[in-house]
Amino acid sequence: MTTTYATSPDAGALTNAGVSDFFELLKPRVMTLVVFTGFAGVVLAPGHLHPFLALVAVLCIAIGAGAAGAINMWYERDIDAVMSRTRLRPLPQGRVAPAEALAFGVVLTILSVGLMGLALNWTAAALLGFASFFYVFVYTIWLKRRTPQNIVIGGAAGAFPPMIGWAAVTGTVSVESVLLFSLIFFWTPPHFWSLALYKNEDYKKAGIPMLPVVAGERATKRQIVLYSLILTPFVLAPYFVHIAGAAYLAGAVVLHGFFILKAFKVWQDATFKSAKVMFGYSIFYLFGLFALMILDKAG
């Protein structure tokens, strides 16, 4: 697919990009959730970490995630230019040159992984590096344009932050951190497919084989309900493995009950209104689950 950019600097050209343009390359809205779940991993892990080192760990997770986002924007600048949701990003608008975006992402990736290894431990650094590799090479380059299962498999990249935060404290990968990873992993499909439902035309224009494009709206809604139900044991797991206590369990049951209810409303709704509500609620829902874990641990 050939795309005409609003302004098309050469790949190697330099632009007069401002700080805000490079900050936008980091996908700050996505990074907020990444940072919060990474912070949760640091707080929930057994053991003690000096507050300054905890801050460094969370900062490394944030920079690593943002760097991967910048590389993602570099690679996807052609499809970003034709989608209404992304066409105003710095690359399709010509505010940042492709070479600048790629260099920015690569340098920040190296810095974040290196700092994590030197300041915390190399297990956490390896997980951070692997998460970046997975997001860029497995999800962005290999899966996204090839299979409607792109977000199912590729969603693993966004599930790593609490595991990385946990490893920053303990230096290990444990059953508990894997369960936190799994919670986000199984949350991702209903979250993202809700977006894909009401942005279906965008994905069609860009030639991205998202599930609604390939399998249709009905099949996508069925998968949203299915994954919302599959998610249930992973929502309850933090209580049963003693990551969190009864306060978390009570709150999680309420949050997850509404999550399932909204998934069924998506199934029943012939419009995209319920899908938009589901997408917005899913973000609040994940924030809420991890906030409950943190508060329960603090209490």
Protein backbone atom coordinates (compact mmCIF):
# COMPACT_ATOMS: atom_id res chain seq x y z
CA MET A 1 0.00 0.00 0.00
CA THR A 2 1.38 3.39 -1.02
CA THR A 3 0.58 6.27 1.26
CA THR A 4 0.96 10.00 0.69
CA TYR A 5 2.10 11.83 3.80
CA ALA A 6 0.91 15.29 4.76
CA THR A 7 4.58 16.27 4.69
CA SER A 8 7.15 13.71 3.63
CA PRO A 9 10.70 14.29 4.83
CA ASP A 10 13.38 11.97 3.55
CA ALA A 11 14.18 9.02 5.79
CA GLY A 12 17.51 10.57 6.68
CA ALA A 13 16.40 14.20 6.80
CA LEU A 14 16.38 16.24 9.97
CA THR A 15 13.34 18.26 11.02
CA ASN A 16 12.65 21.03 13.49
CA ALA A 17 10.72 18.68 15.74
CA GLY A 18 9.93 20.01 19.20
CA VAL A 19 10.09 18.26 22.55
CA SER A 20 6.35 17.67 22.43
CA ASP A 21 6.70 15.79 19.14
CA PHE A 22 9.26 13.38 20.57
CA PHE A 23 7.19 13.01 23.72
CA GLU A 24 4.22 12.04 21.54
CA LEU A 25 6.37 9.31 19.95
CA LEU A 26 6.51 7.66 23.38
CA LYS A 27 2.72 7.06 23.30
CA PRO A 28 2.20 8.76 26.69
CA ARG A 29 -1.41 7.62 27.13
CA VAL A 30 -0.42 3.98 26.68
CA MET A 31 2.65 4.52 28.85
CA THR A 32 0.48 5.63 31.78
CA LEU A 33 -1.01 2.15 32.15
CA VAL A 34 2.39 0.52 31.57
CA VAL A 35 4.01 2.66 34.27
CA PHE A 36 1.23 2.01 36.76
CA THR A 37 1.28 -1.79 36.34
CA GLY A 38 5.08 -1.77 36.47
CA PHE A 39 4.93 0.25 39.69
CA ALA A 40 2.43 -2.27 41.04
CA GLY A 41 4.90 -5.07 40.37
CA VAL A 42 7.54 -3.20 42.40
CA VAL A 43 5.13 -2.60 45.30
CA LEU A 44 3.64 -6.10 45.36
CA ALA A 45 6.92 -8.02 45.17
CA PRO A 46 8.26 -9.49 48.42
CA GLY A 47 11.33 -7.81 49.81
CA HIS A 48 12.44 -4.21 50.06
CA LEU A 49 13.81 -1.84 47.48
CA HIS A 50 15.23 1.59 48.25
CA PRO A 51 12.73 4.25 47.10
CA PHE A 52 15.28 5.76 44.73
CA LEU A 53 15.97 2.40 43.10
CA ALA A 54 12.22 1.76 42.89
CA LEU A 55 11.88 5.07 41.05
CA VAL A 56 14.71 4.08 38.70
CA ALA A 57 13.04 0.75 37.99
CA VAL A 58 9.71 2.39 37.12
CA LEU A 59 11.50 5.02 35.03
CA CYS A 60 13.30 2.30 33.06
CA ILE A 61 10.00 0.51 32.41
CA ALA A 62 8.45 3.79 31.23
CA ILE A 63 11.37 4.69 28.95
CA GLY A 64 11.59 1.17 27.55
CA ALA A 65 7.87 1.09 26.77
CA GLY A 66 7.99 4.55 25.22
CA ALA A 67 11.01 3.64 23.13
CA ALA A 68 9.23 0.58 21.75
CA GLY A 69 6.27 2.84 20.95
CA ALA A 70 8.55 5.20 19.01
CA ILE A 71 9.95 2.33 16.94
CA ASN A 72 6.40 1.10 16.38
CA MET A 73 5.43 4.55 15.05
CA TRP A 74 8.49 4.53 12.77
CA TYR A 75 7.53 1.18 11.27
CA GLU A 76 3.80 1.90 11.02
CA ARG A 77 3.99 5.45 9.66
CA ASP A 78 2.37 4.33 6.39
CA ILE A 79 -0.75 2.90 8.02
CA ASP A 80 -0.87 5.65 10.65
CA ALA A 81 -1.25 8.15 7.80
CA VAL A 82 -4.53 6.62 6.60
CA MET A 83 -6.22 5.95 9.94
CA SER A 84 -8.25 8.77 11.51
CA ARG A 85 -7.12 7.71 14.99
CA THR A 86 -3.42 8.08 14.15
CA ARG A 87 -3.04 10.37 11.15
CA LEU A 88 -2.13 13.39 13.31
CA ARG A 89 0.87 11.64 14.86
CA PRO A 90 4.28 13.31 14.32
CA LEU A 91 5.55 10.99 11.59
CA PRO A 92 2.60 11.03 9.17
CA GLN A 93 2.37 14.80 9.70
CA GLY A 94 6.05 15.19 8.83
CA ARG A 95 6.97 16.84 12.13
CA VAL A 96 9.55 14.13 12.87
CA ALA A 97 11.68 12.38 10.23
CA PRO A 98 11.64 8.55 10.18
CA ALA A 99 15.38 8.36 10.88
CA GLU A 100 14.99 10.62 13.91
CA ALA A 101 12.16 8.49 15.32
CA LEU A 102 14.04 5.24 14.80
CA ALA A 103 17.26 6.58 16.36
CA PHE A 104 15.28 8.02 19.27
CA GLY A 105 13.62 4.66 19.95
CA VAL A 106 16.78 2.58 19.63
CA VAL A 107 18.87 4.85 21.85
CA LEU A 108 16.21 4.95 24.57
CA THR A 109 15.81 1.17 24.44
CA ILE A 110 19.54 0.64 24.98
CA LEU A 111 19.63 3.23 27.77
CA SER A 112 16.63 1.81 29.63
CA VAL A 113 17.80 -1.80 29.47
CA GLY A 114 21.36 -0.89 30.40
CA LEU A 115 20.30 1.29 33.32
CA MET A 116 17.93 -1.39 34.61
CA GLY A 117 20.74 -3.95 34.55
CA LEU A 118 23.32 -1.71 36.19
CA ALA A 119 21.06 -0.13 38.82
CA LEU A 120 18.78 -3.10 39.64
CA ASN A 121 19.57 -6.53 38.19
CA TRP A 122 20.03 -8.22 34.84
CA THR A 123 16.95 -10.43 35.17
CA ALA A 124 14.73 -7.36 35.15
CA ALA A 125 16.85 -5.87 32.35
CA ALA A 126 16.51 -9.04 30.27
CA LEU A 127 12.72 -9.01 30.71
CA LEU A 128 12.58 -5.34 29.72
CA GLY A 129 14.71 -6.00 26.66
CA PHE A 130 12.63 -9.03 25.68
CA ALA A 131 9.38 -7.06 26.08
CA SER A 132 10.72 -4.40 23.70
CA PHE A 133 11.91 -7.06 21.24
CA PHE A 134 8.54 -8.80 21.38
CA TYR A 135 6.56 -5.61 20.80
CA VAL A 136 8.71 -4.43 17.89
CA PHE A 137 9.66 -7.62 16.07
CA VAL A 138 6.96 -10.14 17.00
CA TYR A 139 3.89 -7.91 17.24
CA THR A 140 4.62 -4.84 15.08
CA ILE A 141 6.70 -6.34 12.27
CA TRP A 142 5.62 -10.00 12.15
CA LEU A 143 2.04 -10.35 13.44
CA LYS A 144 0.08 -7.12 13.09
CA ARG A 145 -0.22 -7.08 9.30
CA ARG A 146 -0.49 -10.84 8.90
CA THR A 147 -3.01 -12.38 11.29
CA PRO A 148 -6.23 -11.49 13.14
CA GLN A 149 -4.60 -13.12 16.18
CA ASN A 150 -2.09 -10.25 16.25
CA ILE A 151 -3.42 -8.73 19.47
CA VAL A 152 -3.83 -12.11 21.22
CA ILE A 153 -0.19 -13.09 20.79
CA GLY A 154 1.25 -9.59 20.57
CA GLY A 155 -0.59 -8.53 23.69
CA ALA A 156 2.08 -10.32 25.69
CA ALA A 157 4.35 -7.31 25.20
CA GLY A 158 2.05 -5.10 27.25
CA ALA A 159 1.73 -7.72 29.98
CA PHE A 160 5.39 -7.64 31.00
CA PRO A 161 5.55 -4.47 33.18
CA PRO A 162 4.39 -6.00 36.51
CA MET A 163 6.69 -8.96 35.92
CA ILE A 164 9.58 -6.58 35.24
CA GLY A 165 8.77 -4.57 38.36
CA TRP A 166 8.62 -7.77 40.41
CA ALA A 167 11.97 -8.92 39.03
CA ALA A 168 13.52 -5.51 39.78
CA VAL A 169 12.87 -6.20 43.49
CA THR A 170 13.45 -9.95 43.69
CA GLY A 171 15.77 -10.69 40.78
CA THR A 172 13.53 -13.63 39.84
CA VAL A 173 10.46 -14.63 37.86
CA SER A 174 7.90 -16.31 40.12
CA VAL A 175 4.46 -17.87 39.86
CA GLU A 176 2.99 -14.70 41.32
CA SER A 177 4.57 -12.45 38.70
CA VAL A 178 3.49 -14.81 35.92
CA LEU A 179 -0.10 -14.56 37.19
CA LEU A 180 0.09 -10.76 37.08
CA PHE A 181 1.40 -11.08 33.53
CA SER A 182 -1.47 -13.44 32.66
CA LEU A 183 -4.06 -11.04 34.05
CA ILE A 184 -3.01 -8.35 31.57
CA PHE A 185 -2.47 -10.89 28.77
CA PHE A 186 -6.07 -12.14 28.89
CA TRP A 187 -7.44 -8.62 29.49
CA THR A 188 -5.85 -7.31 26.28
CA PRO A 189 -8.06 -9.03 23.62
CA PRO A 190 -11.45 -7.80 24.92
CA HIS A 191 -9.90 -4.38 25.57
CA PHE A 192 -8.44 -3.98 22.10
CA TRP A 193 -11.18 -5.75 20.14
CA SER A 194 -13.68 -3.29 21.63
CA LEU A 195 -11.62 -0.51 20.05
CA ALA A 196 -11.32 -2.47 16.82
CA LEU A 197 -15.10 -2.83 16.57
CA TYR A 198 -15.81 0.89 16.42
CA LYS A 199 -12.63 1.66 14.45
CA ASN A 200 -13.28 -1.14 11.98
CA GLU A 201 -13.36 1.12 8.92
CA ASP A 202 -9.97 2.54 9.87
CA TYR A 203 -8.42 -0.92 9.98
CA LYS A 204 -10.05 -1.84 6.66
CA LYS A 205 -8.56 1.26 5.01
CA ALA A 206 -5.14 0.47 6.43
CA GLY A 207 -5.32 -3.19 5.41
CA ILE A 208 -4.81 -4.46 8.96
CA PRO A 209 -6.42 -7.90 9.51
CA MET A 210 -7.98 -7.13 12.86
CA LEU A 211 -10.59 -9.67 13.96
CA PRO A 212 -13.64 -7.53 13.00
CA VAL A 213 -12.17 -7.04 9.51
CA VAL A 214 -11.44 -10.73 8.94
CA ALA A 215 -14.09 -12.58 10.96
CA GLY A 216 -16.81 -9.95 11.24
CA GLU A 217 -18.45 -8.09 14.09
CA ARG A 218 -20.47 -11.02 15.46
CA ALA A 219 -17.45 -13.30 15.80
CA THR A 220 -15.47 -10.49 17.45
CA LYS A 221 -18.22 -9.85 19.99
CA ARG A 222 -18.32 -13.56 20.79
CA GLN A 223 -14.57 -13.56 21.39
CA ILE A 224 -14.87 -10.52 23.68
CA VAL A 225 -17.37 -12.40 25.84
CA LEU A 226 -15.24 -15.58 25.78
CA TYR A 227 -12.02 -13.83 26.83
CA SER A 228 -13.87 -11.87 29.52
CA LEU A 229 -14.94 -15.20 31.04
CA ILE A 230 -11.50 -16.77 30.60
CA LEU A 231 -10.06 -13.78 32.47
CA THR A 232 -12.03 -14.63 35.65
CA PRO A 233 -9.58 -17.03 37.38
CA PHE A 234 -6.68 -14.65 36.73
CA VAL A 235 -8.61 -11.79 38.36
CA LEU A 236 -9.18 -13.95 41.44
CA ALA A 237 -5.66 -15.44 41.48
CA PRO A 238 -3.92 -12.57 43.38
CA TYR A 239 -6.06 -13.40 46.40
CA PHE A 240 -5.41 -17.14 46.28
CA VAL A 241 -1.63 -16.79 45.88
CA HIS A 242 -1.55 -14.17 48.66
CA ILE A 243 -0.51 -11.21 46.54
CA ALA A 244 -3.56 -9.40 47.90
CA GLY A 245 -6.19 -9.99 50.56
CA ALA A 246 -9.94 -9.91 51.09
CA ALA A 247 -10.33 -6.21 50.31
CA TYR A 248 -8.87 -6.82 46.86
CA LEU A 249 -11.07 -9.87 46.33
CA ALA A 250 -14.25 -7.98 47.15
CA GLY A 251 -13.38 -5.06 44.88
CA ALA A 252 -12.16 -7.32 42.09
CA VAL A 253 -15.41 -9.32 42.08
CA VAL A 254 -17.39 -6.09 41.62
CA LEU A 255 -15.08 -4.72 38.91
CA HIS A 256 -14.99 -8.00 37.04
CA GLY A 257 -18.74 -8.46 37.33
CA PHE A 258 -19.24 -5.16 35.51
CA PHE A 259 -16.56 -6.16 32.98
CA ILE A 260 -18.47 -9.33 32.07
CA LEU A 261 -21.77 -7.43 32.03
CA LYS A 262 -20.37 -4.86 29.61
CA ALA A 263 -18.96 -7.66 27.41
CA PHE A 264 -22.45 -9.16 27.13
CA LYS A 265 -23.85 -5.72 26.31
CA VAL A 266 -21.37 -5.51 23.44
CA TRP A 267 -22.65 -8.90 22.27
CA GLN A 268 -26.26 -7.73 22.34
CA ASP A 269 -25.78 -4.20 20.94
CA ALA A 270 -26.25 -3.77 17.20
CA THR A 271 -24.42 -0.42 17.35
CA PHE A 272 -20.88 0.45 18.44
CA LYS A 273 -22.01 2.38 21.52
CA SER A 274 -21.45 -0.53 23.93
CA ALA A 275 -18.04 -1.26 22.37
CA LYS A 276 -16.92 2.31 23.10
CA VAL A 277 -18.17 1.98 26.68
CA MET A 278 -16.41 -1.39 27.03
CA PHE A 279 -13.13 0.07 25.77
CA GLY A 280 -13.25 2.99 28.20
CA TYR A 281 -14.30 0.81 31.12
CA SER A 282 -11.58 -1.77 30.39
CA ILE A 283 -8.89 0.86 31.03
CA PHE A 284 -10.51 1.94 34.30
CA TYR A 285 -10.96 -1.75 35.19
CA LEU A 286 -7.27 -2.64 34.86
CA PHE A 287 -6.21 0.48 36.75
CA GLY A 288 -8.75 -0.44 39.41
CA LEU A 289 -7.54 -4.03 39.85
CA PHE A 290 -3.91 -3.02 40.29
CA ALA A 291 -4.85 -0.07 42.51
CA LEU A 292 -6.78 -2.45 44.76
CA MET A 293 -3.74 -4.73 45.00
CA ILE A 294 -1.49 -1.81 45.94
CA LEU A 295 -3.94 -0.46 48.52
CA ASP A 296 -4.47 -3.92 49.99
CA LYS A 297 -0.72 -4.40 50.30
CA ALA A 298 -0.31 -0.96 51.89
CA GLY A 299 -3.12 -1.69 54.35
